[in-house]
Protein backbone atom coordinates (compact mmCIF):
# COMPACT_ATOMS: atom_id res chain seq x y z
CA MET A 1 -34.14 80.72 -3.84
CA ASN A 2 -36.00 83.89 -4.55
CA TYR A 3 -36.27 85.00 -0.89
CA ARG A 4 -33.79 84.82 1.96
CA VAL A 5 -35.31 82.95 4.91
CA ASP A 6 -34.24 83.91 8.43
CA TRP A 7 -35.45 82.42 11.70
CA THR A 8 -35.62 84.55 14.84
CA GLU A 9 -33.76 83.26 17.86
CA GLU A 10 -37.12 82.59 19.52
CA ALA A 11 -38.30 80.56 16.52
CA ASP A 12 -35.04 78.56 16.59
CA GLN A 13 -35.59 77.81 20.28
CA GLN A 14 -39.20 76.82 19.66
CA LEU A 15 -38.14 74.49 16.83
CA ALA A 16 -35.55 72.90 19.12
CA ALA A 17 -38.22 72.34 21.78
CA VAL A 18 -40.61 70.73 19.28
CA TRP A 19 -37.77 68.56 17.94
CA THR A 20 -36.74 67.47 21.45
CA ALA A 21 -40.32 66.52 22.39
CA ALA A 22 -41.13 64.81 19.09
CA ASP A 23 -41.69 61.08 18.75
CA ASP A 24 -40.38 61.34 15.19
CA ARG A 25 -37.51 63.81 15.13
CA THR A 26 -36.70 63.02 11.52
CA ALA A 27 -40.19 64.17 10.49
CA VAL A 28 -39.64 67.48 12.30
CA THR A 29 -36.25 67.98 10.64
CA VAL A 30 -37.61 67.18 7.18
CA ALA A 31 -40.63 69.46 7.69
CA ALA A 32 -38.39 72.36 8.79
CA GLN A 33 -36.23 71.91 5.70
CA ARG A 34 -39.28 71.71 3.46
CA ILE A 35 -40.79 74.83 5.05
CA GLU A 36 -37.59 76.78 4.50
CA GLN A 37 -37.47 75.68 0.87
CA ARG A 38 -41.13 76.56 0.26
CA LEU A 39 -40.76 79.99 1.86
CA GLY A 40 -37.58 80.70 -0.06
CA LEU A 41 -39.25 80.03 -3.39
CA ASP A 42 -42.47 82.02 -3.04
CA PRO A 43 -43.69 82.83 0.48
CA LEU A 44 -46.78 84.72 -0.63
CA THR A 45 -48.33 81.63 -2.19
CA GLN A 46 -47.62 79.46 0.85
CA GLY A 47 -49.82 79.16 3.90
CA GLU A 48 -52.58 81.57 4.79
CA ALA A 49 -52.64 85.32 5.30
CA ARG A 50 -53.50 86.78 8.69
CA ASP A 51 -54.94 90.16 9.67
CA ASP A 52 -51.68 92.00 9.09
CA PHE A 53 -50.99 91.74 5.36
CA ASP A 54 -47.39 90.64 5.82
CA VAL A 55 -48.06 87.96 8.47
CA ARG A 56 -48.77 84.44 7.28
CA ILE A 57 -49.11 80.97 8.81
CA LEU A 58 -47.99 77.72 7.22
CA PHE A 59 -48.57 74.13 8.32
CA ASP A 60 -46.40 71.32 7.03
CA GLY A 61 -46.52 67.91 8.65
CA PRO A 62 -45.73 68.14 12.33
CA LEU A 63 -44.87 71.87 12.23
CA GLY A 64 -46.69 75.13 12.00
CA VAL A 65 -44.86 78.43 11.50
CA VAL A 66 -45.83 82.08 11.61
CA TYR A 67 -43.78 84.28 9.34
CA ARG A 68 -43.49 87.79 7.94
CA VAL A 69 -42.65 88.68 4.37
CA ASP A 70 -40.73 91.77 3.30
CA VAL A 71 -41.35 91.83 -0.44
CA PHE A 72 -39.03 94.75 -1.10
CA ALA A 73 -36.08 93.16 0.74
CA ARG A 74 -37.09 89.70 -0.55
CA THR A 75 -36.80 88.37 2.98
CA VAL A 76 -38.90 86.00 5.05
CA ILE A 77 -38.65 86.02 8.83
CA VAL A 78 -39.98 82.97 10.67
CA VAL A 79 -41.14 84.41 13.99
CA SER A 80 -42.85 81.46 15.67
CA VAL A 81 -42.81 77.67 15.43
CA GLY A 82 -45.03 75.08 17.03
CA SER A 83 -46.26 71.55 16.72
CA SER A 84 -49.25 71.28 14.40
CA ARG A 85 -50.46 68.05 15.95
CA SER A 86 -52.18 67.86 19.27
CA ARG A 87 -51.09 65.18 21.70
């Protein structure tokens, strides 16, 4: 991996809530793993930029994440997680 990926405690709790409520928990687990891998390789080419240049959003399967990139520290911080599918 080119970037270290960290999840805030709040993002971890949100992921757990999405996983608990999911009809397909395996899909949530696989999407979270895939998101972490994608962000670790090259976070600036993933997802979409937001107003603040270092804030991005990425959707992958049943998950959506908001994350920040620190290019100099080569770190990604996932700050928010939610379900990307409406019920």
